[in-house]
């Protein structure tokens, strides 16, 4: 399963993403994508978010069972501690 969360992006970009995934709430997309399609979609989104932000969460073979990627200007930072991905909220 793949989850993509978009913030401050255009409605047209959300519409394009809804071709491959289900928008369960404004800016929250859920779907089952192959690794190749997920990479192509994410590469496109990272160039198209402009002043917005995005978070990609997908299932993988790690201790946590998933991995995360961020793009754009988010209020949170992704930190890696010995293979565990954690979120840092700057004060």
PDB file of N, CA and C in Angstrom:
ATOM      1  N   UNK A   1       0.839  -1.176   0.000  1.00  0.00           N
ATOM      2  CA  UNK A   1       0.000   0.000   0.000  1.00  0.00           C
ATOM      3  C   UNK A   1       0.885   1.240   0.000  1.00  0.00           C
ATOM      4  N   UNK A   2       0.419   2.258  -0.686  1.00  0.00           N
ATOM      5  CA  UNK A   2       1.136   3.521  -0.786  1.00  0.00           C
ATOM      6  C   UNK A   2       0.217   4.651  -0.345  1.00  0.00           C
ATOM      7  N   UNK A   3       0.765   5.587   0.438  1.00  0.00           N
ATOM      8  CA  UNK A   3       0.022   6.762   0.882  1.00  0.00           C
ATOM      9  C   UNK A   3       0.827   7.994   0.486  1.00  0.00           C
ATOM     10  N   UNK A   4       0.155   8.960  -0.134  1.00  0.00           N
ATOM     11  CA  UNK A   4       0.784  10.237  -0.478  1.00  0.00           C
ATOM     12  C   UNK A   4      -0.081  11.340   0.121  1.00  0.00           C
ATOM     13  N   UNK A   5       0.574  12.259   0.830  1.00  0.00           N
ATOM     14  CA  UNK A   5      -0.120  13.392   1.431  1.00  0.00           C
ATOM     15  C   UNK A   5       0.452  14.663   0.808  1.00  0.00           C
ATOM     16  N   UNK A   6      -0.431  15.472   0.236  1.00  0.00           N
ATOM     17  CA  UNK A   6      -0.009  16.713  -0.408  1.00  0.00           C
ATOM     18  C   UNK A   6      -0.582  17.903   0.344  1.00  0.00           C
ATOM     19  N   UNK A   7       0.229  18.945   0.483  1.00  0.00           N
ATOM     20  CA  UNK A   7      -0.191  20.184   1.150  1.00  0.00           C
ATOM     21  C   UNK A   7       0.097  21.362   0.228  1.00  0.00           C
ATOM     22  N   UNK A   8      -0.838  22.286   0.169  1.00  0.00           N
ATOM     23  CA  UNK A   8      -0.656  23.525  -0.581  1.00  0.00           C
ATOM     24  C   UNK A   8      -0.282  23.287  -2.047  1.00  0.00           C
ATOM     25  N   UNK A   9      -0.965  22.360  -2.704  1.00  0.00           N
ATOM     26  CA  UNK A   9      -0.729  22.108  -4.122  1.00  0.00           C
ATOM     27  C   UNK A   9      -1.993  22.462  -4.904  1.00  0.00           C
ATOM     28  N   UNK A  10      -1.846  22.575  -6.200  1.00  0.00           N
ATOM     29  CA  UNK A  10      -2.982  22.953  -7.039  1.00  0.00           C
ATOM     30  C   UNK A  10      -3.997  21.808  -7.135  1.00  0.00           C
ATOM     31  N   UNK A  11      -5.226  22.188  -7.405  1.00  0.00           N
ATOM     32  CA  UNK A  11      -6.288  21.199  -7.564  1.00  0.00           C
ATOM     33  C   UNK A  11      -6.003  20.322  -8.780  1.00  0.00           C
ATOM     34  N   UNK A  12      -5.393  20.905  -9.812  1.00  0.00           N
ATOM     35  CA  UNK A  12      -5.087  20.113 -11.010  1.00  0.00           C
ATOM     36  C   UNK A  12      -4.065  19.017 -10.710  1.00  0.00           C
ATOM     37  N   UNK A  13      -3.099  19.300  -9.836  1.00  0.00           N
ATOM     38  CA  UNK A  13      -2.121  18.276  -9.464  1.00  0.00           C
ATOM     39  C   UNK A  13      -2.794  17.154  -8.686  1.00  0.00           C
ATOM     40  N   UNK A  14      -3.700  17.513  -7.785  1.00  0.00           N
ATOM     41  CA  UNK A  14      -4.459  16.490  -7.055  1.00  0.00           C
ATOM     42  C   UNK A  14      -5.301  15.674  -8.016  1.00  0.00           C
ATOM     43  N   UNK A  15      -5.865  16.327  -9.031  1.00  0.00           N
ATOM     44  CA  UNK A  15      -6.660  15.618 -10.030  1.00  0.00           C
ATOM     45  C   UNK A  15      -5.831  14.637 -10.829  1.00  0.00           C
ATOM     46  N   UNK A  16      -4.614  15.032 -11.184  1.00  0.00           N
ATOM     47  CA  UNK A  16      -3.724  14.125 -11.917  1.00  0.00           C
ATOM     48  C   UNK A  16      -3.381  12.898 -11.075  1.00  0.00           C
ATOM     49  N   UNK A  17      -3.112  13.114  -9.800  1.00  0.00           N
ATOM     50  CA  UNK A  17      -2.749  11.996  -8.921  1.00  0.00           C
ATOM     51  C   UNK A  17      -3.935  11.054  -8.718  1.00  0.00           C
ATOM     52  N   UNK A  18      -5.145  11.592  -8.789  1.00  0.00           N
ATOM     53  CA  UNK A  18      -6.320  10.733  -8.593  1.00  0.00           C
ATOM     54  C   UNK A  18      -6.524   9.754  -9.741  1.00  0.00           C
ATOM     55  N   UNK A  19      -5.752   9.852 -10.798  1.00  0.00           N
ATOM     56  CA  UNK A  19      -5.792   8.855 -11.879  1.00  0.00           C
ATOM     57  C   UNK A  19      -5.261   7.509 -11.416  1.00  0.00           C
ATOM     58  N   UNK A  20      -4.310   7.529 -10.476  1.00  0.00           N
ATOM     59  CA  UNK A  20      -3.665   6.301 -10.021  1.00  0.00           C
ATOM     60  C   UNK A  20      -4.053   5.899  -8.607  1.00  0.00           C
ATOM     61  N   UNK A  21      -4.520   6.864  -7.830  1.00  0.00           N
ATOM     62  CA  UNK A  21      -4.798   6.595  -6.427  1.00  0.00           C
ATOM     63  C   UNK A  21      -6.151   7.170  -6.035  1.00  0.00           C
ATOM     64  N   UNK A  22      -6.672   6.738  -4.910  1.00  0.00           N
ATOM     65  CA  UNK A  22      -7.949   7.214  -4.391  1.00  0.00           C
ATOM     66  C   UNK A  22      -7.694   8.367  -3.422  1.00  0.00           C
ATOM     67  N   UNK A  23      -8.389   9.479  -3.587  1.00  0.00           N
ATOM     68  CA  UNK A  23      -8.250  10.612  -2.670  1.00  0.00           C
ATOM     69  C   UNK A  23      -9.295  10.446  -1.571  1.00  0.00           C
ATOM     70  N   UNK A  24      -8.869   9.922  -0.418  1.00  0.00           N
ATOM     71  CA  UNK A  24      -9.797   9.610   0.672  1.00  0.00           C
ATOM     72  C   UNK A  24     -10.188  10.846   1.480  1.00  0.00           C
ATOM     73  N   UNK A  25      -9.347  11.849   1.448  1.00  0.00           N
ATOM     74  CA  UNK A  25      -9.612  13.132   2.078  1.00  0.00           C
ATOM     75  C   UNK A  25      -8.808  14.147   1.283  1.00  0.00           C
ATOM     76  N   UNK A  26      -9.121  15.420   1.395  1.00  0.00           N
ATOM     77  CA  UNK A  26      -8.417  16.430   0.608  1.00  0.00           C
ATOM     78  C   UNK A  26      -6.908  16.316   0.798  1.00  0.00           C
ATOM     79  N   UNK A  27      -6.200  15.984  -0.271  1.00  0.00           N
ATOM     80  CA  UNK A  27      -4.748  15.896  -0.240  1.00  0.00           C
ATOM     81  C   UNK A  27      -4.183  14.586   0.270  1.00  0.00           C
ATOM     82  N   UNK A  28      -5.023  13.621   0.630  1.00  0.00           N
ATOM     83  CA  UNK A  28      -4.560  12.321   1.146  1.00  0.00           C
ATOM     84  C   UNK A  28      -4.940  11.250   0.127  1.00  0.00           C
ATOM     85  N   UNK A  29      -3.933  10.607  -0.456  1.00  0.00           N
ATOM     86  CA  UNK A  29      -4.138   9.620  -1.510  1.00  0.00           C
ATOM     87  C   UNK A  29      -3.662   8.252  -1.049  1.00  0.00           C
ATOM     88  N   UNK A  30      -4.442   7.216  -1.369  1.00  0.00           N
ATOM     89  CA  UNK A  30      -4.122   5.843  -0.980  1.00  0.00           C
ATOM     90  C   UNK A  30      -4.267   4.958  -2.207  1.00  0.00           C
ATOM     91  N   UNK A  31      -3.337   4.024  -2.360  1.00  0.00           N
ATOM     92  CA  UNK A  31      -3.430   3.098  -3.477  1.00  0.00           C
ATOM     93  C   UNK A  31      -2.370   2.023  -3.410  1.00  0.00           C
ATOM     94  N   UNK A  32      -2.475   1.083  -4.324  1.00  0.00           N
ATOM     95  CA  UNK A  32      -1.478   0.028  -4.469  1.00  0.00           C
ATOM     96  C   UNK A  32      -0.765   0.258  -5.794  1.00  0.00           C
ATOM     97  N   UNK A  33       0.498   0.645  -5.715  1.00  0.00           N
ATOM     98  CA  UNK A  33       1.289   0.943  -6.900  1.00  0.00           C
ATOM     99  C   UNK A  33       2.504   0.032  -6.945  1.00  0.00           C
ATOM    100  N   UNK A  34       2.907  -0.339  -8.144  1.00  0.00           N
ATOM    101  CA  UNK A  34       4.164  -1.078  -8.264  1.00  0.00           C
ATOM    102  C   UNK A  34       5.314  -0.120  -7.941  1.00  0.00           C
ATOM    103  N   UNK A  35       6.476  -0.672  -7.665  1.00  0.00           N
ATOM    104  CA  UNK A  35       7.628   0.166  -7.304  1.00  0.00           C
ATOM    105  C   UNK A  35       7.985   1.119  -8.442  1.00  0.00           C
ATOM    106  N   UNK A  36       7.884   0.664  -9.671  1.00  0.00           N
ATOM    107  CA  UNK A  36       8.234   1.502 -10.809  1.00  0.00           C
ATOM    108  C   UNK A  36       7.236   2.661 -10.960  1.00  0.00           C
ATOM    109  N   UNK A  37       5.947   2.368 -10.872  1.00  0.00           N
ATOM    110  CA  UNK A  37       4.925   3.416 -10.989  1.00  0.00           C
ATOM    111  C   UNK A  37       5.046   4.385  -9.820  1.00  0.00           C
ATOM    112  N   UNK A  38       5.276   3.869  -8.610  1.00  0.00           N
ATOM    113  CA  UNK A  38       5.432   4.729  -7.437  1.00  0.00           C
ATOM    114  C   UNK A  38       6.592   5.695  -7.636  1.00  0.00           C
ATOM    115  N   UNK A  39       7.711   5.219  -8.154  1.00  0.00           N
ATOM    116  CA  UNK A  39       8.870   6.084  -8.388  1.00  0.00           C
ATOM    117  C   UNK A  39       8.575   7.135  -9.446  1.00  0.00           C
ATOM    118  N   UNK A  40       7.918   6.743 -10.534  1.00  0.00           N
ATOM    119  CA  UNK A  40       7.584   7.701 -11.584  1.00  0.00           C
ATOM    120  C   UNK A  40       6.616   8.772 -11.076  1.00  0.00           C
ATOM    121  N   UNK A  41       5.600   8.357 -10.325  1.00  0.00           N
ATOM    122  CA  UNK A  41       4.641   9.312  -9.770  1.00  0.00           C
ATOM    123  C   UNK A  41       5.337  10.250  -8.796  1.00  0.00           C
ATOM    124  N   UNK A  42       6.178   9.714  -7.924  1.00  0.00           N
ATOM    125  CA  UNK A  42       6.865  10.552  -6.933  1.00  0.00           C
ATOM    126  C   UNK A  42       7.835  11.514  -7.609  1.00  0.00           C
ATOM    127  N   UNK A  43       8.569  11.052  -8.613  1.00  0.00           N
ATOM    128  CA  UNK A  43       9.478  11.939  -9.339  1.00  0.00           C
ATOM    129  C   UNK A  43       8.713  13.098  -9.974  1.00  0.00           C
ATOM    130  N   UNK A  44       7.549  12.807 -10.538  1.00  0.00           N
ATOM    131  CA  UNK A  44       6.732  13.856 -11.130  1.00  0.00           C
ATOM    132  C   UNK A  44       6.241  14.832 -10.047  1.00  0.00           C
ATOM    133  N   UNK A  45       5.769  14.302  -8.928  1.00  0.00           N
ATOM    134  CA  UNK A  45       5.242  15.154  -7.866  1.00  0.00           C
ATOM    135  C   UNK A  45       6.314  16.067  -7.277  1.00  0.00           C
ATOM    136  N   UNK A  46       7.529  15.559  -7.118  1.00  0.00           N
ATOM    137  CA  UNK A  46       8.588  16.376  -6.514  1.00  0.00           C
ATOM    138  C   UNK A  46       8.913  17.593  -7.369  1.00  0.00           C
ATOM    139  N   UNK A  47       8.704  17.502  -8.671  1.00  0.00           N
ATOM    140  CA  UNK A  47       8.949  18.663  -9.530  1.00  0.00           C
ATOM    141  C   UNK A  47       7.719  19.555  -9.645  1.00  0.00           C
ATOM    142  N   UNK A  48       6.535  19.012  -9.374  1.00  0.00           N
ATOM    143  CA  UNK A  48       5.300  19.759  -9.605  1.00  0.00           C
ATOM    144  C   UNK A  48       4.720  20.426  -8.355  1.00  0.00           C
ATOM    145  N   UNK A  49       5.227  20.123  -7.161  1.00  0.00           N
ATOM    146  CA  UNK A  49       4.618  20.698  -5.944  1.00  0.00           C
ATOM    147  C   UNK A  49       4.896  22.185  -5.778  1.00  0.00           C
ATOM    148  N   UNK A  50       5.936  22.694  -6.396  1.00  0.00           N
ATOM    149  CA  UNK A  50       6.315  24.112  -6.322  1.00  0.00           C
ATOM    150  C   UNK A  50       6.430  24.575  -4.885  1.00  0.00           C
ATOM    151  N   UNK A  51       5.545  25.432  -4.425  1.00  0.00           N
ATOM    152  CA  UNK A  51       5.663  25.942  -3.053  1.00  0.00           C
ATOM    153  C   UNK A  51       4.942  25.053  -2.048  1.00  0.00           C
ATOM    154  N   UNK A  52       4.367  23.960  -2.512  1.00  0.00           N
ATOM    155  CA  UNK A  52       3.662  23.031  -1.635  1.00  0.00           C
ATOM    156  C   UNK A  52       4.623  22.017  -1.023  1.00  0.00           C
ATOM    157  N   UNK A  53       4.039  20.942  -0.515  1.00  0.00           N
ATOM    158  CA  UNK A  53       4.836  19.900   0.122  1.00  0.00           C
ATOM    159  C   UNK A  53       4.157  18.558  -0.096  1.00  0.00           C
ATOM    160  N   UNK A  54       4.957  17.511   0.037  1.00  0.00           N
ATOM    161  CA  UNK A  54       4.411  16.167  -0.119  1.00  0.00           C
ATOM    162  C   UNK A  54       5.126  15.165   0.760  1.00  0.00           C
ATOM    163  N   UNK A  55       4.389  14.123   1.140  1.00  0.00           N
ATOM    164  CA  UNK A  55       4.940  13.020   1.929  1.00  0.00           C
ATOM    165  C   UNK A  55       4.537  11.730   1.241  1.00  0.00           C
ATOM    166  N   UNK A  56       5.500  10.850   1.040  1.00  0.00           N
ATOM    167  CA  UNK A  56       5.260   9.537   0.462  1.00  0.00           C
ATOM    168  C   UNK A  56       5.543   8.489   1.527  1.00  0.00           C
ATOM    169  N   UNK A  57       4.590   7.586   1.743  1.00  0.00           N
ATOM    170  CA  UNK A  57       4.764   6.486   2.690  1.00  0.00           C
ATOM    171  C   UNK A  57       4.422   5.208   1.947  1.00  0.00           C
ATOM    172  N   UNK A  58       5.323   4.246   1.970  1.00  0.00           N
ATOM    173  CA  UNK A  58       5.073   3.004   1.243  1.00  0.00           C
ATOM    174  C   UNK A  58       5.634   1.809   2.004  1.00  0.00           C
ATOM    175  N   UNK A  59       5.035   0.681   1.742  1.00  0.00           N
ATOM    176  CA  UNK A  59       5.412  -0.563   2.404  1.00  0.00           C
ATOM    177  C   UNK A  59       6.729  -1.070   1.828  1.00  0.00           C
ATOM    178  N   UNK A  60       7.624  -1.494   2.723  1.00  0.00           N
ATOM    179  CA  UNK A  60       8.906  -2.051   2.297  1.00  0.00           C
ATOM    180  C   UNK A  60       9.421  -2.994   3.376  1.00  0.00           C
ATOM    181  N   UNK A  61      10.485  -3.700   3.070  1.00  0.00           N
ATOM    182  CA  UNK A  61      11.032  -4.707   3.972  1.00  0.00           C
ATOM    183  C   UNK A  61      12.074  -4.083   4.909  1.00  0.00           C
ATOM    184  N   UNK A  62      11.591  -3.372   5.939  1.00  0.00           N
ATOM    185  CA  UNK A  62      12.460  -2.778   6.959  1.00  0.00           C
ATOM    186  C   UNK A  62      11.911  -3.157   8.330  1.00  0.00           C
ATOM    187  N   UNK A  63      12.618  -2.748   9.375  1.00  0.00           N
ATOM    188  CA  UNK A  63      12.144  -3.014  10.730  1.00  0.00           C
ATOM    189  C   UNK A  63      10.760  -2.423  10.959  1.00  0.00           C
ATOM    190  N   UNK A  64      10.540  -1.223  10.447  1.00  0.00           N
ATOM    191  CA  UNK A  64       9.261  -0.558  10.634  1.00  0.00           C
ATOM    192  C   UNK A  64       8.182  -1.088   9.692  1.00  0.00           C
ATOM    193  N   UNK A  65       8.587  -1.685   8.592  1.00  0.00           N
ATOM    194  CA  UNK A  65       7.638  -2.206   7.620  1.00  0.00           C
ATOM    195  C   UNK A  65       7.225  -1.184   6.567  1.00  0.00           C
ATOM    196  N   UNK A  66       7.756   0.030   6.669  1.00  0.00           N
ATOM    197  CA  UNK A  66       7.449   1.069   5.694  1.00  0.00           C
ATOM    198  C   UNK A  66       8.608   2.048   5.613  1.00  0.00           C
ATOM    199  N   UNK A  67       8.579   2.880   4.568  1.00  0.00           N
ATOM    200  CA  UNK A  67       9.580   3.929   4.398  1.00  0.00           C
ATOM    201  C   UNK A  67       8.844   5.219   4.065  1.00  0.00           C
ATOM    202  N   UNK A  68       9.498   6.351   4.331  1.00  0.00           N
ATOM    203  CA  UNK A  68       8.907   7.664   4.082  1.00  0.00           C
ATOM    204  C   UNK A  68       9.874   8.531   3.297  1.00  0.00           C
ATOM    205  N   UNK A  69       9.301   9.406   2.470  1.00  0.00           N
ATOM    206  CA  UNK A  69      10.080  10.412   1.749  1.00  0.00           C
ATOM    207  C   UNK A  69       9.311  11.717   1.809  1.00  0.00           C
ATOM    208  N   UNK A  70      10.035  12.828   1.888  1.00  0.00           N
ATOM    209  CA  UNK A  70       9.422  14.147   1.946  1.00  0.00           C
ATOM    210  C   UNK A  70       9.902  14.967   0.760  1.00  0.00           C
ATOM    211  N   UNK A  71       9.074  15.903   0.310  1.00  0.00           N
ATOM    212  CA  UNK A  71       9.502  16.872  -0.700  1.00  0.00           C
ATOM    213  C   UNK A  71       8.834  18.203  -0.423  1.00  0.00           C
ATOM    214  N   UNK A  72       9.452  19.269  -0.884  1.00  0.00           N
ATOM    215  CA  UNK A  72       8.887  20.601  -0.692  1.00  0.00           C
ATOM    216  C   UNK A  72       9.169  21.149   0.698  1.00  0.00           C
ATOM    217  N   UNK A  73       8.455  22.202   1.032  1.00  0.00           N
ATOM    218  CA  UNK A  73       8.656  22.895   2.311  1.00  0.00           C
ATOM    219  C   UNK A  73       7.673  22.351   3.341  1.00  0.00           C
ATOM    220  N   UNK A  74       8.133  21.405   4.138  1.00  0.00           N
ATOM    221  CA  UNK A  74       7.291  20.823   5.185  1.00  0.00           C
ATOM    222  C   UNK A  74       7.713  21.375   6.540  1.00  0.00           C
ATOM    223  N   UNK A  75       6.830  21.276   7.515  1.00  0.00           N
ATOM    224  CA  UNK A  75       7.143  21.748   8.860  1.00  0.00           C
ATOM    225  C   UNK A  75       7.834  20.659   9.675  1.00  0.00           C
ATOM    226  N   UNK A  76       8.047  19.508   9.063  1.00  0.00           N
ATOM    227  CA  UNK A  76       8.676  18.383   9.763  1.00  0.00           C
ATOM    228  C   UNK A  76       9.890  17.910   8.984  1.00  0.00           C
ATOM    229  N   UNK A  77      10.798  17.261   9.675  1.00  0.00           N
ATOM    230  CA  UNK A  77      12.007  16.742   9.040  1.00  0.00           C
ATOM    231  C   UNK A  77      12.091  15.235   9.277  1.00  0.00           C
ATOM    232  N   UNK A  78      12.589  14.552   8.286  1.00  0.00           N
ATOM    233  CA  UNK A  78      12.765  13.107   8.371  1.00  0.00           C
ATOM    234  C   UNK A  78      14.188  12.833   8.849  1.00  0.00           C
ATOM    235  N   UNK A  79      14.314  12.066   9.909  1.00  0.00           N
ATOM    236  CA  UNK A  79      15.618  11.718  10.476  1.00  0.00           C
ATOM    237  C   UNK A  79      15.774  10.197  10.499  1.00  0.00           C
ATOM    238  N   UNK A  80      16.977   9.739  10.239  1.00  0.00           N
ATOM    239  CA  UNK A  80      17.269   8.315  10.234  1.00  0.00           C
ATOM    240  C   UNK A  80      18.181   8.002  11.413  1.00  0.00           C
ATOM    241  N   UNK A  81      17.744   7.117  12.295  1.00  0.00           N
ATOM    242  CA  UNK A  81      18.537   6.702  13.444  1.00  0.00           C
ATOM    243  C   UNK A  81      18.709   5.193  13.389  1.00  0.00           C
ATOM    244  N   UNK A  82      19.883   4.763  12.954  1.00  0.00           N
ATOM    245  CA  UNK A  82      20.220   3.343  12.866  1.00  0.00           C
ATOM    246  C   UNK A  82      19.146   2.542  12.111  1.00  0.00           C
ATOM    247  N   UNK A  83      18.686   3.095  10.980  1.00  0.00           N
ATOM    248  CA  UNK A  83      17.719   2.396  10.164  1.00  0.00           C
ATOM    249  C   UNK A  83      16.263   2.667  10.486  1.00  0.00           C
ATOM    250  N   UNK A  84      16.004   3.380  11.579  1.00  0.00           N
ATOM    251  CA  UNK A  84      14.630   3.756  11.916  1.00  0.00           C
ATOM    252  C   UNK A  84      14.374   5.181  11.441  1.00  0.00           C
ATOM    253  N   UNK A  85      13.291   5.361  10.706  1.00  0.00           N
ATOM    254  CA  UNK A  85      12.944   6.690  10.248  1.00  0.00           C
ATOM    255  C   UNK A  85      12.035   7.339  11.281  1.00  0.00           C
ATOM    256  N   UNK A  86      12.456   8.508  11.754  1.00  0.00           N
ATOM    257  CA  UNK A  86      11.695   9.250  12.752  1.00  0.00           C
ATOM    258  C   UNK A  86      11.401  10.652  12.240  1.00  0.00           C
ATOM    259  N   UNK A  87      10.359  11.265  12.782  1.00  0.00           N
ATOM    260  CA  UNK A  87       9.963  12.604  12.388  1.00  0.00           C
ATOM    261  C   UNK A  87      10.406  13.595  13.458  1.00  0.00           C
ATOM    262  N   UNK A  88      11.051  14.675  13.024  1.00  0.00           N
ATOM    263  CA  UNK A  88      11.457  15.736  13.937  1.00  0.00           C
ATOM    264  C   UNK A  88      10.604  16.967  13.627  1.00  0.00           C
ATOM    265  N   UNK A  89      10.043  17.533  14.680  1.00  0.00           N
ATOM    266  CA  UNK A  89       9.270  18.760  14.543  1.00  0.00           C
ATOM    267  C   UNK A  89      10.128  19.890  15.124  1.00  0.00           C
ATOM    268  N   UNK A  90      10.708  20.727  14.260  1.00  0.00           N
ATOM    269  CA  UNK A  90      11.568  21.805  14.764  1.00  0.00           C
ATOM    270  C   UNK A  90      10.784  22.766  15.651  1.00  0.00           C
ATOM    271  N   UNK A  91      11.416  23.249  16.699  1.00  0.00           N
ATOM    272  CA  UNK A  91      10.733  24.178  17.605  1.00  0.00           C
ATOM    273  C   UNK A  91      10.919  25.616  17.166  1.00  0.00           C
TER     274      UNK A  91
END
